[in-house]
Amino acid sequence: MIHLKWEDRKTIKTIKCVHADAKKFVVHNKLTPGKMYDVKNETEEFYFIIDNSNRIGGFRKDYFK
C-alpha cells in the first residue's frame, strides 16, 4: 500500500509537461502544457505526479519532457 503515502514522499525529479492532448482520456484539466511537475514515483510507462488537482495522478511519459 505504498501508493497511500506517495503525496508525502520526497520528489524524485521535476519534469515539464509538453502537451495534454489525449486520445482516450480527459487530461487537459489535470495537466497544463509548459508547467513543471514533481515526480513522486516512476515506472517504465508512467510518471506519478502531483497534478493540477493537488493529488497524485499517473500519466504516460509521452506527455512530458
N, C-alpha and C. Protein backbone atom coordinates (compact mmCIF):
# COMPACT_ATOMS: atom_id res chain seq x y z
N MET A 1 0.82 -1.19 0.00
CA MET A 1 0.00 0.00 0.00
C MET A 1 0.87 1.26 0.00
N ILE A 2 1.99 1.17 -0.70
CA ILE A 2 2.93 2.29 -0.79
C ILE A 2 2.28 3.51 -1.45
N HIS A 3 1.31 3.29 -2.33
CA HIS A 3 0.68 4.40 -3.05
C HIS A 3 -0.08 5.36 -2.14
N LEU A 4 -0.42 4.93 -0.93
CA LEU A 4 -1.14 5.80 0.00
C LEU A 4 -0.25 6.92 0.56
N LYS A 5 1.06 6.75 0.48
CA LYS A 5 1.98 7.74 1.04
C LYS A 5 2.78 8.48 -0.03
N TRP A 6 2.44 8.32 -1.31
CA TRP A 6 3.20 8.97 -2.38
C TRP A 6 3.17 10.48 -2.28
N GLU A 7 2.07 11.05 -1.83
CA GLU A 7 1.99 12.52 -1.75
C GLU A 7 3.02 13.08 -0.77
N ASP A 8 3.39 12.31 0.25
CA ASP A 8 4.33 12.75 1.27
C ASP A 8 5.78 12.38 0.95
N ARG A 9 6.00 11.58 -0.09
CA ARG A 9 7.35 11.15 -0.44
C ARG A 9 8.19 12.29 -0.98
N LYS A 10 9.49 12.07 -0.92
CA LYS A 10 10.44 13.03 -1.47
C LYS A 10 10.31 13.06 -2.99
N THR A 11 10.46 14.21 -3.58
CA THR A 11 10.39 14.36 -5.03
C THR A 11 11.62 13.74 -5.68
N ILE A 12 11.39 12.87 -6.67
CA ILE A 12 12.48 12.20 -7.38
C ILE A 12 13.15 13.16 -8.35
N LYS A 13 12.32 13.83 -9.16
CA LYS A 13 12.81 14.80 -10.14
C LYS A 13 11.66 15.70 -10.56
N THR A 14 11.97 16.72 -11.33
CA THR A 14 10.97 17.64 -11.84
C THR A 14 10.94 17.51 -13.35
N ILE A 15 9.72 17.42 -13.91
CA ILE A 15 9.57 17.27 -15.36
C ILE A 15 8.62 18.33 -15.89
N LYS A 16 8.72 18.59 -17.19
CA LYS A 16 7.90 19.61 -17.83
C LYS A 16 6.86 18.95 -18.73
N CYS A 17 5.62 19.38 -18.62
CA CYS A 17 4.55 18.88 -19.48
C CYS A 17 4.67 19.53 -20.85
N VAL A 18 4.64 18.72 -21.91
CA VAL A 18 4.78 19.26 -23.26
C VAL A 18 3.44 19.32 -24.00
N HIS A 19 2.48 18.47 -23.62
CA HIS A 19 1.15 18.54 -24.24
C HIS A 19 0.13 17.83 -23.35
N ALA A 20 -1.13 18.10 -23.59
CA ALA A 20 -2.22 17.47 -22.84
C ALA A 20 -3.28 16.96 -23.80
N ASP A 21 -2.84 16.52 -24.97
CA ASP A 21 -3.75 16.01 -25.99
C ASP A 21 -3.83 14.50 -25.89
N ALA A 22 -4.88 14.01 -25.28
CA ALA A 22 -5.07 12.56 -25.11
C ALA A 22 -6.13 12.06 -26.07
N LYS A 23 -5.94 10.84 -26.56
CA LYS A 23 -6.91 10.27 -27.49
C LYS A 23 -8.12 9.68 -26.76
N LYS A 24 -7.88 9.01 -25.63
CA LYS A 24 -8.95 8.29 -24.94
C LYS A 24 -9.41 8.96 -23.65
N PHE A 25 -8.55 9.66 -22.98
CA PHE A 25 -8.83 10.15 -21.64
C PHE A 25 -8.88 11.67 -21.57
N VAL A 26 -9.48 12.19 -20.53
CA VAL A 26 -9.52 13.63 -20.29
C VAL A 26 -8.29 13.99 -19.45
N VAL A 27 -7.36 14.65 -20.06
CA VAL A 27 -6.10 15.00 -19.39
C VAL A 27 -5.95 16.51 -19.28
N HIS A 28 -6.61 17.27 -20.14
CA HIS A 28 -6.38 18.72 -20.19
C HIS A 28 -6.80 19.44 -18.91
N ASN A 29 -7.68 18.85 -18.06
CA ASN A 29 -7.99 19.54 -16.80
C ASN A 29 -6.98 19.19 -15.70
N LYS A 30 -6.15 18.20 -15.91
CA LYS A 30 -5.19 17.78 -14.89
C LYS A 30 -3.76 18.20 -15.19
N LEU A 31 -3.44 18.46 -16.45
CA LEU A 31 -2.10 18.88 -16.85
C LEU A 31 -2.16 20.19 -17.62
N THR A 32 -1.13 21.01 -17.44
CA THR A 32 -1.00 22.26 -18.16
C THR A 32 0.30 22.24 -18.94
N PRO A 33 0.23 22.29 -20.27
CA PRO A 33 1.47 22.31 -21.06
C PRO A 33 2.37 23.49 -20.66
N GLY A 34 3.65 23.20 -20.49
CA GLY A 34 4.62 24.22 -20.09
C GLY A 34 4.86 24.28 -18.60
N LYS A 35 4.03 23.65 -17.81
CA LYS A 35 4.17 23.68 -16.34
C LYS A 35 5.10 22.56 -15.88
N MET A 36 5.86 22.83 -14.82
CA MET A 36 6.76 21.85 -14.23
C MET A 36 6.02 21.08 -13.14
N TYR A 37 6.24 19.77 -13.08
CA TYR A 37 5.59 18.90 -12.11
C TYR A 37 6.63 18.08 -11.36
N ASP A 38 6.36 17.81 -10.07
CA ASP A 38 7.25 17.00 -9.24
C ASP A 38 6.88 15.53 -9.38
N VAL A 39 7.86 14.69 -9.70
CA VAL A 39 7.65 13.26 -9.84
C VAL A 39 7.82 12.60 -8.48
N LYS A 40 6.80 11.87 -8.04
CA LYS A 40 6.84 11.17 -6.76
C LYS A 40 7.19 9.70 -6.92
N ASN A 41 6.85 9.12 -8.08
CA ASN A 41 7.19 7.73 -8.38
C ASN A 41 7.21 7.58 -9.90
N GLU A 42 7.94 6.56 -10.37
CA GLU A 42 8.09 6.37 -11.81
C GLU A 42 8.12 4.88 -12.11
N THR A 43 7.44 4.48 -13.19
CA THR A 43 7.52 3.12 -13.71
C THR A 43 8.04 3.20 -15.14
N GLU A 44 8.08 2.07 -15.84
CA GLU A 44 8.55 2.08 -17.22
C GLU A 44 7.68 2.95 -18.12
N GLU A 45 6.38 2.97 -17.85
CA GLU A 45 5.44 3.63 -18.75
C GLU A 45 4.81 4.91 -18.19
N PHE A 46 4.83 5.09 -16.86
CA PHE A 46 4.11 6.19 -16.23
C PHE A 46 4.97 6.99 -15.27
N TYR A 47 4.62 8.29 -15.15
CA TYR A 47 5.09 9.14 -14.07
C TYR A 47 3.92 9.36 -13.13
N PHE A 48 4.17 9.32 -11.83
CA PHE A 48 3.16 9.62 -10.84
C PHE A 48 3.53 10.97 -10.24
N ILE A 49 2.68 11.96 -10.49
CA ILE A 49 2.99 13.35 -10.15
C ILE A 49 1.85 13.95 -9.33
N ILE A 50 2.13 15.11 -8.73
CA ILE A 50 1.08 15.92 -8.12
C ILE A 50 0.52 16.77 -9.26
N ASP A 51 -0.71 16.49 -9.69
CA ASP A 51 -1.28 17.19 -10.85
C ASP A 51 -1.99 18.48 -10.42
N ASN A 52 -2.74 19.09 -11.33
CA ASN A 52 -3.41 20.37 -11.06
C ASN A 52 -4.47 20.28 -9.96
N SER A 53 -4.92 19.09 -9.62
CA SER A 53 -5.91 18.93 -8.56
C SER A 53 -5.24 18.76 -7.19
N ASN A 54 -3.91 18.89 -7.15
CA ASN A 54 -3.10 18.71 -5.93
C ASN A 54 -3.21 17.31 -5.36
N ARG A 55 -3.45 16.32 -6.22
CA ARG A 55 -3.50 14.91 -5.84
C ARG A 55 -2.52 14.16 -6.73
N ILE A 56 -2.18 12.96 -6.33
CA ILE A 56 -1.31 12.11 -7.14
C ILE A 56 -2.08 11.60 -8.36
N GLY A 57 -1.46 11.69 -9.51
CA GLY A 57 -2.04 11.15 -10.74
C GLY A 57 -0.96 10.44 -11.53
N GLY A 58 -1.34 9.36 -12.19
CA GLY A 58 -0.41 8.62 -13.03
C GLY A 58 -0.64 8.97 -14.49
N PHE A 59 0.40 9.42 -15.16
CA PHE A 59 0.29 9.87 -16.56
C PHE A 59 1.39 9.22 -17.39
N ARG A 60 1.05 8.91 -18.64
CA ARG A 60 2.03 8.32 -19.56
C ARG A 60 3.21 9.27 -19.75
N LYS A 61 4.35 8.70 -19.99
CA LYS A 61 5.58 9.50 -20.12
C LYS A 61 5.60 10.39 -21.34
N ASP A 62 4.77 10.06 -22.35
CA ASP A 62 4.81 10.88 -23.58
C ASP A 62 4.20 12.26 -23.42
N TYR A 63 3.59 12.57 -22.28
CA TYR A 63 3.08 13.92 -22.01
C TYR A 63 4.18 14.84 -21.50
N PHE A 64 5.35 14.30 -21.20
CA PHE A 64 6.40 15.07 -20.51
C PHE A 64 7.72 15.01 -21.27
N LYS A 65 8.59 15.94 -20.90
CA LYS A 65 9.93 16.03 -21.49
C LYS A 65 10.95 15.97 -20.38
